[in-house]
PDB file of N, CA and C in Angstrom:
ATOM      1  N   UNK A   1     -49.998 -55.984 107.227  1.00  0.00           N
ATOM      2  CA  UNK A   1     -50.261 -57.404 107.338  1.00  0.00           C
ATOM      3  C   UNK A   1     -51.055 -57.649 108.627  1.00  0.00           C
ATOM      4  N   UNK A   2     -52.098 -58.422 108.531  1.00  0.00           N
ATOM      5  CA  UNK A   2     -52.962 -58.680 109.677  1.00  0.00           C
ATOM      6  C   UNK A   2     -52.378 -59.698 110.641  1.00  0.00           C
ATOM      7  N   UNK A   3     -51.594 -60.613 110.137  1.00  0.00           N
ATOM      8  CA  UNK A   3     -51.073 -61.699 110.968  1.00  0.00           C
ATOM      9  C   UNK A   3     -49.674 -61.323 111.451  1.00  0.00           C
ATOM     10  N   UNK A   4     -49.510 -61.303 112.739  1.00  0.00           N
ATOM     11  CA  UNK A   4     -48.222 -60.988 113.337  1.00  0.00           C
ATOM     12  C   UNK A   4     -47.753 -62.183 114.166  1.00  0.00           C
ATOM     13  N   UNK A   5     -46.462 -62.296 114.337  1.00  0.00           N
ATOM     14  CA  UNK A   5     -45.910 -63.397 115.131  1.00  0.00           C
ATOM     15  C   UNK A   5     -46.416 -63.329 116.570  1.00  0.00           C
ATOM     16  N   UNK A   6     -46.637 -62.105 117.066  1.00  0.00           N
ATOM     17  CA  UNK A   6     -47.097 -61.932 118.445  1.00  0.00           C
ATOM     18  C   UNK A   6     -48.465 -62.571 118.668  1.00  0.00           C
ATOM     19  N   UNK A   7     -49.263 -62.712 117.615  1.00  0.00           N
ATOM     20  CA  UNK A   7     -50.587 -63.328 117.745  1.00  0.00           C
ATOM     21  C   UNK A   7     -50.493 -64.768 118.239  1.00  0.00           C
ATOM     22  N   UNK A   8     -49.388 -65.422 117.956  1.00  0.00           N
ATOM     23  CA  UNK A   8     -49.256 -66.835 118.286  1.00  0.00           C
ATOM     24  C   UNK A   8     -48.472 -67.081 119.574  1.00  0.00           C
ATOM     25  N   UNK A   9     -47.866 -66.045 120.141  1.00  0.00           N
ATOM     26  CA  UNK A   9     -47.097 -66.209 121.375  1.00  0.00           C
ATOM     27  C   UNK A   9     -48.012 -66.600 122.524  1.00  0.00           C
ATOM     28  N   UNK A  10     -49.156 -65.975 122.635  1.00  0.00           N
ATOM     29  CA  UNK A  10     -50.110 -66.315 123.687  1.00  0.00           C
ATOM     30  C   UNK A  10     -50.606 -67.742 123.569  1.00  0.00           C
ATOM     31  N   UNK A  11     -50.796 -68.197 122.359  1.00  0.00           N
ATOM     32  CA  UNK A  11     -51.274 -69.559 122.129  1.00  0.00           C
ATOM     33  C   UNK A  11     -50.233 -70.569 122.597  1.00  0.00           C
ATOM     34  N   UNK A  12     -48.962 -70.293 122.301  1.00  0.00           N
ATOM     35  CA  UNK A  12     -47.906 -71.217 122.714  1.00  0.00           C
ATOM     36  C   UNK A  12     -47.865 -71.368 124.230  1.00  0.00           C
ATOM     37  N   UNK A  13     -47.995 -70.257 124.950  1.00  0.00           N
ATOM     38  CA  UNK A  13     -47.951 -70.348 126.416  1.00  0.00           C
ATOM     39  C   UNK A  13     -49.168 -71.099 126.951  1.00  0.00           C
ATOM     40  N   UNK A  14     -50.329 -70.885 126.337  1.00  0.00           N
ATOM     41  CA  UNK A  14     -51.519 -71.611 126.771  1.00  0.00           C
ATOM     42  C   UNK A  14     -51.384 -73.110 126.502  1.00  0.00           C
ATOM     43  N   UNK A  15     -50.793 -73.462 125.372  1.00  0.00           N
ATOM     44  CA  UNK A  15     -50.576 -74.880 125.073  1.00  0.00           C
ATOM     45  C   UNK A  15     -49.574 -75.508 126.044  1.00  0.00           C
ATOM     46  N   UNK A  16     -48.560 -74.734 126.432  1.00  0.00           N
ATOM     47  CA  UNK A  16     -47.607 -75.233 127.428  1.00  0.00           C
ATOM     48  C   UNK A  16     -48.304 -75.487 128.757  1.00  0.00           C
ATOM     49  N   UNK A  17     -49.188 -74.566 129.149  1.00  0.00           N
ATOM     50  CA  UNK A  17     -49.939 -74.749 130.391  1.00  0.00           C
ATOM     51  C   UNK A  17     -50.809 -76.004 130.303  1.00  0.00           C
ATOM     52  N   UNK A  18     -51.434 -76.199 129.156  1.00  0.00           N
ATOM     53  CA  UNK A  18     -52.280 -77.388 128.965  1.00  0.00           C
ATOM     54  C   UNK A  18     -51.436 -78.656 129.101  1.00  0.00           C
ATOM     55  N   UNK A  19     -50.271 -78.651 128.466  1.00  0.00           N
ATOM     56  CA  UNK A  19     -49.383 -79.809 128.544  1.00  0.00           C
ATOM     57  C   UNK A  19     -48.964 -80.066 129.994  1.00  0.00           C
ATOM     58  N   UNK A  20     -48.615 -78.995 130.704  1.00  0.00           N
ATOM     59  CA  UNK A  20     -48.243 -79.140 132.118  1.00  0.00           C
ATOM     60  C   UNK A  20     -49.387 -79.712 132.938  1.00  0.00           C
ATOM     61  N   UNK A  21     -50.614 -79.248 132.652  1.00  0.00           N
ATOM     62  CA  UNK A  21     -51.789 -79.787 133.348  1.00  0.00           C
ATOM     63  C   UNK A  21     -51.892 -81.294 133.141  1.00  0.00           C
ATOM     64  N   UNK A  22     -51.788 -81.710 131.889  1.00  0.00           N
ATOM     65  CA  UNK A  22     -51.929 -83.137 131.587  1.00  0.00           C
ATOM     66  C   UNK A  22     -50.833 -83.962 132.255  1.00  0.00           C
ATOM     67  N   UNK A  23     -49.613 -83.459 132.205  1.00  0.00           N
ATOM     68  CA  UNK A  23     -48.503 -84.191 132.825  1.00  0.00           C
ATOM     69  C   UNK A  23     -48.697 -84.263 134.335  1.00  0.00           C
ATOM     70  N   UNK A  24     -49.059 -83.125 134.927  1.00  0.00           N
ATOM     71  CA  UNK A  24     -49.229 -83.064 136.382  1.00  0.00           C
ATOM     72  C   UNK A  24     -50.330 -84.019 136.849  1.00  0.00           C
ATOM     73  N   UNK A  25     -51.459 -83.992 136.163  1.00  0.00           N
ATOM     74  CA  UNK A  25     -52.598 -84.781 136.625  1.00  0.00           C
ATOM     75  C   UNK A  25     -52.593 -86.220 136.123  1.00  0.00           C
ATOM     76  N   UNK A  26     -51.708 -86.545 135.202  1.00  0.00           N
ATOM     77  CA  UNK A  26     -51.630 -87.937 134.753  1.00  0.00           C
ATOM     78  C   UNK A  26     -51.022 -88.830 135.830  1.00  0.00           C
ATOM     79  N   UNK A  27     -50.357 -88.212 136.806  1.00  0.00           N
ATOM     80  CA  UNK A  27     -49.756 -88.977 137.892  1.00  0.00           C
ATOM     81  C   UNK A  27     -50.795 -89.415 138.921  1.00  0.00           C
ATOM     82  N   UNK A  28     -51.954 -88.778 138.909  1.00  0.00           N
ATOM     83  CA  UNK A  28     -52.988 -89.092 139.890  1.00  0.00           C
ATOM     84  C   UNK A  28     -53.906 -90.188 139.367  1.00  0.00           C
ATOM     85  N   UNK A  29     -54.732 -90.695 140.256  1.00  0.00           N
ATOM     86  CA  UNK A  29     -55.656 -91.742 139.818  1.00  0.00           C
ATOM     87  C   UNK A  29     -56.793 -91.131 138.994  1.00  0.00           C
ATOM     88  N   UNK A  30     -57.556 -91.960 138.364  1.00  0.00           N
ATOM     89  CA  UNK A  30     -58.560 -91.502 137.404  1.00  0.00           C
ATOM     90  C   UNK A  30     -59.662 -90.666 138.036  1.00  0.00           C
ATOM     91  N   UNK A  31     -60.003 -90.906 139.281  1.00  0.00           N
ATOM     92  CA  UNK A  31     -61.051 -90.124 139.938  1.00  0.00           C
ATOM     93  C   UNK A  31     -60.607 -88.673 140.113  1.00  0.00           C
ATOM     94  N   UNK A  32     -59.358 -88.480 140.551  1.00  0.00           N
ATOM     95  CA  UNK A  32     -58.834 -87.123 140.704  1.00  0.00           C
ATOM     96  C   UNK A  32     -58.698 -86.444 139.344  1.00  0.00           C
ATOM     97  N   UNK A  33     -58.288 -87.204 138.352  1.00  0.00           N
ATOM     98  CA  UNK A  33     -58.176 -86.651 137.004  1.00  0.00           C
ATOM     99  C   UNK A  33     -59.543 -86.235 136.480  1.00  0.00           C
ATOM    100  N   UNK A  34     -60.542 -87.058 136.722  1.00  0.00           N
ATOM    101  CA  UNK A  34     -61.902 -86.737 136.289  1.00  0.00           C
ATOM    102  C   UNK A  34     -62.382 -85.455 136.962  1.00  0.00           C
ATOM    103  N   UNK A  35     -62.094 -85.308 138.254  1.00  0.00           N
ATOM    104  CA  UNK A  35     -62.472 -84.093 138.970  1.00  0.00           C
ATOM    105  C   UNK A  35     -61.774 -82.875 138.374  1.00  0.00           C
ATOM    106  N   UNK A  36     -60.497 -83.044 138.038  1.00  0.00           N
ATOM    107  CA  UNK A  36     -59.759 -81.930 137.443  1.00  0.00           C
ATOM    108  C   UNK A  36     -60.332 -81.544 136.084  1.00  0.00           C
ATOM    109  N   UNK A  37     -60.612 -82.548 135.245  1.00  0.00           N
ATOM    110  CA  UNK A  37     -61.134 -82.258 133.909  1.00  0.00           C
ATOM    111  C   UNK A  37     -62.500 -81.589 133.972  1.00  0.00           C
ATOM    112  N   UNK A  38     -63.231 -81.785 135.043  1.00  0.00           N
ATOM    113  CA  UNK A  38     -64.520 -81.126 135.221  1.00  0.00           C
ATOM    114  C   UNK A  38     -64.401 -79.820 136.004  1.00  0.00           C
ATOM    115  N   UNK A  39     -63.188 -79.460 136.402  1.00  0.00           N
ATOM    116  CA  UNK A  39     -62.998 -78.268 137.229  1.00  0.00           C
ATOM    117  C   UNK A  39     -63.125 -76.991 136.401  1.00  0.00           C
ATOM    118  N   UNK A  40     -63.441 -75.918 137.092  1.00  0.00           N
ATOM    119  CA  UNK A  40     -63.571 -74.605 136.453  1.00  0.00           C
ATOM    120  C   UNK A  40     -62.226 -74.138 135.893  1.00  0.00           C
ATOM    121  N   UNK A  41     -61.148 -74.424 136.611  1.00  0.00           N
ATOM    122  CA  UNK A  41     -59.812 -74.021 136.174  1.00  0.00           C
ATOM    123  C   UNK A  41     -59.485 -74.614 134.800  1.00  0.00           C
ATOM    124  N   UNK A  42     -59.748 -75.899 134.635  1.00  0.00           N
ATOM    125  CA  UNK A  42     -59.465 -76.560 133.365  1.00  0.00           C
ATOM    126  C   UNK A  42     -60.363 -76.022 132.256  1.00  0.00           C
ATOM    127  N   UNK A  43     -61.644 -75.868 132.550  1.00  0.00           N
ATOM    128  CA  UNK A  43     -62.576 -75.369 131.536  1.00  0.00           C
ATOM    129  C   UNK A  43     -62.222 -73.951 131.107  1.00  0.00           C
ATOM    130  N   UNK A  44     -61.796 -73.117 132.064  1.00  0.00           N
ATOM    131  CA  UNK A  44     -61.376 -71.756 131.723  1.00  0.00           C
ATOM    132  C   UNK A  44     -60.151 -71.762 130.812  1.00  0.00           C
ATOM    133  N   UNK A  45     -59.199 -72.649 131.096  1.00  0.00           N
ATOM    134  CA  UNK A  45     -58.011 -72.720 130.244  1.00  0.00           C
ATOM    135  C   UNK A  45     -58.375 -73.197 128.841  1.00  0.00           C
ATOM    136  N   UNK A  46     -59.304 -74.143 128.744  1.00  0.00           N
ATOM    137  CA  UNK A  46     -59.749 -74.621 127.431  1.00  0.00           C
ATOM    138  C   UNK A  46     -60.447 -73.505 126.655  1.00  0.00           C
ATOM    139  N   UNK A  47     -61.248 -72.716 127.339  1.00  0.00           N
ATOM    140  CA  UNK A  47     -61.943 -71.603 126.691  1.00  0.00           C
ATOM    141  C   UNK A  47     -60.932 -70.591 126.166  1.00  0.00           C
ATOM    142  N   UNK A  48     -59.915 -70.273 126.973  1.00  0.00           N
ATOM    143  CA  UNK A  48     -58.887 -69.320 126.540  1.00  0.00           C
ATOM    144  C   UNK A  48     -58.144 -69.830 125.312  1.00  0.00           C
ATOM    145  N   UNK A  49     -57.799 -71.102 125.319  1.00  0.00           N
ATOM    146  CA  UNK A  49     -57.089 -71.677 124.173  1.00  0.00           C
ATOM    147  C   UNK A  49     -57.967 -71.629 122.927  1.00  0.00           C
ATOM    148  N   UNK A  50     -59.225 -72.012 123.056  1.00  0.00           N
ATOM    149  CA  UNK A  50     -60.130 -71.999 121.902  1.00  0.00           C
ATOM    150  C   UNK A  50     -60.335 -70.587 121.375  1.00  0.00           C
ATOM    151  N   UNK A  51     -60.481 -69.611 122.272  1.00  0.00           N
ATOM    152  CA  UNK A  51     -60.634 -68.223 121.833  1.00  0.00           C
ATOM    153  C   UNK A  51     -59.386 -67.744 121.104  1.00  0.00           C
ATOM    154  N   UNK A  52     -58.222 -68.084 121.628  1.00  0.00           N
ATOM    155  CA  UNK A  52     -56.975 -67.675 120.981  1.00  0.00           C
ATOM    156  C   UNK A  52     -56.856 -68.276 119.586  1.00  0.00           C
ATOM    157  N   UNK A  53     -57.182 -69.560 119.458  1.00  0.00           N
ATOM    158  CA  UNK A  53     -57.137 -70.197 118.142  1.00  0.00           C
ATOM    159  C   UNK A  53     -58.156 -69.576 117.192  1.00  0.00           C
ATOM    160  N   UNK A  54     -59.350 -69.276 117.689  1.00  0.00           N
ATOM    161  CA  UNK A  54     -60.371 -68.675 116.833  1.00  0.00           C
ATOM    162  C   UNK A  54     -59.956 -67.294 116.359  1.00  0.00           C
ATOM    163  N   UNK A  55     -59.352 -66.503 117.245  1.00  0.00           N
ATOM    164  CA  UNK A  55     -58.877 -65.175 116.849  1.00  0.00           C
ATOM    165  C   UNK A  55     -57.788 -65.301 115.793  1.00  0.00           C
ATOM    166  N   UNK A  56     -56.843 -66.208 116.021  1.00  0.00           N
ATOM    167  CA  UNK A  56     -55.774 -66.415 115.041  1.00  0.00           C
ATOM    168  C   UNK A  56     -56.347 -66.909 113.716  1.00  0.00           C
ATOM    169  N   UNK A  57     -57.328 -67.814 113.780  1.00  0.00           N
ATOM    170  CA  UNK A  57     -57.951 -68.345 112.566  1.00  0.00           C
ATOM    171  C   UNK A  57     -58.674 -67.235 111.801  1.00  0.00           C
ATOM    172  N   UNK A  58     -59.373 -66.360 112.524  1.00  0.00           N
ATOM    173  CA  UNK A  58     -60.061 -65.242 111.875  1.00  0.00           C
ATOM    174  C   UNK A  58     -59.058 -64.301 111.214  1.00  0.00           C
ATOM    175  N   UNK A  59     -57.923 -64.057 111.875  1.00  0.00           N
ATOM    176  CA  UNK A  59     -56.897 -63.203 111.280  1.00  0.00           C
ATOM    177  C   UNK A  59     -56.335 -63.821 110.006  1.00  0.00           C
ATOM    178  N   UNK A  60     -56.154 -65.133 110.007  1.00  0.00           N
ATOM    179  CA  UNK A  60     -55.668 -65.821 108.803  1.00  0.00           C
ATOM    180  C   UNK A  60     -56.696 -65.702 107.682  1.00  0.00           C
ATOM    181  N   UNK A  61     -57.982 -65.899 108.013  1.00  0.00           N
ATOM    182  CA  UNK A  61     -59.035 -65.776 107.000  1.00  0.00           C
ATOM    183  C   UNK A  61     -59.078 -64.369 106.419  1.00  0.00           C
ATOM    184  N   UNK A  62     -58.953 -63.350 107.280  1.00  0.00           N
ATOM    185  CA  UNK A  62     -58.957 -61.961 106.806  1.00  0.00           C
ATOM    186  C   UNK A  62     -57.785 -61.706 105.874  1.00  0.00           C
ATOM    187  N   UNK A  63     -56.619 -62.230 106.244  1.00  0.00           N
ATOM    188  CA  UNK A  63     -55.433 -62.049 105.411  1.00  0.00           C
ATOM    189  C   UNK A  63     -55.614 -62.733 104.056  1.00  0.00           C
ATOM    190  N   UNK A  64     -56.174 -63.929 104.046  1.00  0.00           N
ATOM    191  CA  UNK A  64     -56.416 -64.645 102.788  1.00  0.00           C
ATOM    192  C   UNK A  64     -57.419 -63.882 101.929  1.00  0.00           C
ATOM    193  N   UNK A  65     -58.501 -63.385 102.545  1.00  0.00           N
ATOM    194  CA  UNK A  65     -59.493 -62.612 101.799  1.00  0.00           C
ATOM    195  C   UNK A  65     -58.885 -61.342 101.220  1.00  0.00           C
ATOM    196  N   UNK A  66     -58.014 -60.703 101.999  1.00  0.00           N
ATOM    197  CA  UNK A  66     -57.347 -59.489 101.525  1.00  0.00           C
ATOM    198  C   UNK A  66     -56.463 -59.802 100.315  1.00  0.00           C
ATOM    199  N   UNK A  67     -55.736 -60.922 100.387  1.00  0.00           N
ATOM    200  CA  UNK A  67     -54.884 -61.320  99.266  1.00  0.00           C
ATOM    201  C   UNK A  67     -55.709 -61.686  98.034  1.00  0.00           C
ATOM    202  N   UNK A  68     -56.844 -62.365  98.248  1.00  0.00           N
ATOM    203  CA  UNK A  68     -57.723 -62.705  97.124  1.00  0.00           C
ATOM    204  C   UNK A  68     -58.253 -61.447  96.458  1.00  0.00           C
ATOM    205  N   UNK A  69     -58.689 -60.478  97.267  1.00  0.00           N
ATOM    206  CA  UNK A  69     -59.224 -59.229  96.721  1.00  0.00           C
ATOM    207  C   UNK A  69     -58.145 -58.483  95.947  1.00  0.00           C
ATOM    208  N   UNK A  70     -56.939 -58.477  96.471  1.00  0.00           N
ATOM    209  CA  UNK A  70     -55.829 -57.811  95.797  1.00  0.00           C
ATOM    210  C   UNK A  70     -55.520 -58.495  94.464  1.00  0.00           C
ATOM    211  N   UNK A  71     -55.520 -59.818  94.474  1.00  0.00           N
ATOM    212  CA  UNK A  71     -55.253 -60.576  93.246  1.00  0.00           C
ATOM    213  C   UNK A  71     -56.344 -60.316  92.209  1.00  0.00           C
ATOM    214  N   UNK A  72     -57.601 -60.315  92.661  1.00  0.00           N
ATOM    215  CA  UNK A  72     -58.711 -60.066  91.740  1.00  0.00           C
ATOM    216  C   UNK A  72     -58.654 -58.653  91.173  1.00  0.00           C
ATOM    217  N   UNK A  73     -58.282 -57.679  92.003  1.00  0.00           N
ATOM    218  CA  UNK A  73     -58.178 -56.297  91.529  1.00  0.00           C
ATOM    219  C   UNK A  73     -57.074 -56.180  90.480  1.00  0.00           C
ATOM    220  N   UNK A  74     -55.945 -56.830  90.720  1.00  0.00           N
ATOM    221  CA  UNK A  74     -54.841 -56.790  89.759  1.00  0.00           C
ATOM    222  C   UNK A  74     -55.245 -57.463  88.450  1.00  0.00           C
ATOM    223  N   UNK A  75     -55.955 -58.579  88.547  1.00  0.00           N
ATOM    224  CA  UNK A  75     -56.409 -59.293  87.354  1.00  0.00           C
ATOM    225  C   UNK A  75     -57.396 -58.434  86.561  1.00  0.00           C
ATOM    226  N   UNK A  76     -58.313 -57.793  87.275  1.00  0.00           N
ATOM    227  CA  UNK A  76     -59.302 -56.932  86.622  1.00  0.00           C
ATOM    228  C   UNK A  76     -58.616 -55.764  85.920  1.00  0.00           C
ATOM    229  N   UNK A  77     -57.606 -55.191  86.570  1.00  0.00           N
ATOM    230  CA  UNK A  77     -56.864 -54.086  85.971  1.00  0.00           C
ATOM    231  C   UNK A  77     -56.161 -54.542  84.696  1.00  0.00           C
ATOM    232  N   UNK A  78     -55.555 -55.725  84.747  1.00  0.00           N
ATOM    233  CA  UNK A  78     -54.879 -56.249  83.555  1.00  0.00           C
ATOM    234  C   UNK A  78     -55.879 -56.478  82.426  1.00  0.00           C
ATOM    235  N   UNK A  79     -57.039 -57.022  82.755  1.00  0.00           N
ATOM    236  CA  UNK A  79     -58.057 -57.258  81.733  1.00  0.00           C
ATOM    237  C   UNK A  79     -58.520 -55.946  81.117  1.00  0.00           C
ATOM    238  N   UNK A  80     -58.773 -54.946  81.944  1.00  0.00           N
ATOM    239  CA  UNK A  80     -59.226 -53.653  81.439  1.00  0.00           C
ATOM    240  C   UNK A  80     -58.157 -52.998  80.583  1.00  0.00           C
ATOM    241  N   UNK A  81     -56.900 -53.102  80.985  1.00  0.00           N
ATOM    242  CA  UNK A  81     -55.807 -52.525  80.203  1.00  0.00           C
ATOM    243  C   UNK A  81     -55.703 -53.216  78.851  1.00  0.00           C
ATOM    244  N   UNK A  82     -55.860 -54.523  78.850  1.00  0.00           N
ATOM    245  CA  UNK A  82     -55.799 -55.272  77.597  1.00  0.00           C
ATOM    246  C   UNK A  82     -56.920 -54.889  76.653  1.00  0.00           C
ATOM    247  N   UNK A  83     -58.132 -54.741  77.172  1.00  0.00           N
ATOM    248  CA  UNK A  83     -59.263 -54.344  76.333  1.00  0.00           C
ATOM    249  C   UNK A  83     -59.068 -52.939  75.791  1.00  0.00           C
ATOM    250  N   UNK A  84     -58.550 -52.031  76.621  1.00  0.00           N
ATOM    251  CA  UNK A  84     -58.296 -50.664  76.167  1.00  0.00           C
ATOM    252  C   UNK A  84     -57.279 -50.661  75.038  1.00  0.00           C
ATOM    253  N   UNK A  85     -56.210 -51.441  75.193  1.00  0.00           N
ATOM    254  CA  UNK A  85     -55.184 -51.499  74.152  1.00  0.00           C
ATOM    255  C   UNK A  85     -55.750 -52.075  72.859  1.00  0.00           C
ATOM    256  N   UNK A  86     -56.587 -53.104  72.957  1.00  0.00           N
ATOM    257  CA  UNK A  86     -57.203 -53.677  71.761  1.00  0.00           C
ATOM    258  C   UNK A  86     -58.103 -52.647  71.089  1.00  0.00           C
ATOM    259  N   UNK A  87     -58.845 -51.887  71.882  1.00  0.00           N
ATOM    260  CA  UNK A  87     -59.741 -50.873  71.337  1.00  0.00           C
ATOM    261  C   UNK A  87     -58.944 -49.810  70.587  1.00  0.00           C
ATOM    262  N   UNK A  88     -57.851 -49.320  71.185  1.00  0.00           N
ATOM    263  CA  UNK A  88     -57.040 -48.293  70.535  1.00  0.00           C
ATOM    264  C   UNK A  88     -56.357 -48.834  69.289  1.00  0.00           C
ATOM    265  N   UNK A  89     -55.929 -50.075  69.316  1.00  0.00           N
ATOM    266  CA  UNK A  89     -55.280 -50.668  68.144  1.00  0.00           C
ATOM    267  C   UNK A  89     -56.267 -50.793  66.989  1.00  0.00           C
ATOM    268  N   UNK A  90     -57.532 -51.097  67.278  1.00  0.00           N
ATOM    269  CA  UNK A  90     -58.536 -51.194  66.223  1.00  0.00           C
ATOM    270  C   UNK A  90     -58.835 -49.827  65.632  1.00  0.00           C
ATOM    271  N   UNK A  91     -58.860 -48.793  66.471  1.00  0.00           N
ATOM    272  CA  UNK A  91     -59.152 -47.439  66.000  1.00  0.00           C
ATOM    273  C   UNK A  91     -58.042 -46.908  65.116  1.00  0.00           C
ATOM    274  N   UNK A  92     -56.813 -47.298  65.420  1.00  0.00           N
ATOM    275  CA  UNK A  92     -55.671 -46.780  64.661  1.00  0.00           C
ATOM    276  C   UNK A  92     -55.524 -47.615  63.442  1.00  0.00           C
TER     277      UNK A  92
END
């Protein structure tokens, strides 16, 4: 399985940090908050969160594609088996 619970642990901690940032800086006036939102520290944390979500999203897409391929292969096998059985029944 491509998706593991550990993939989301990093995201949770990053979201907690983001929440702490917002709570911490909401106590300050808007000018200080504006400076913080434009700071490198905040932008780096946003980049990390977005990368983590994108990686998790890609893993989910891969898992879905894998399941679709597996389902299609099983369906194709069933169809081929059915046609083979019909062919043998006609011959007999």
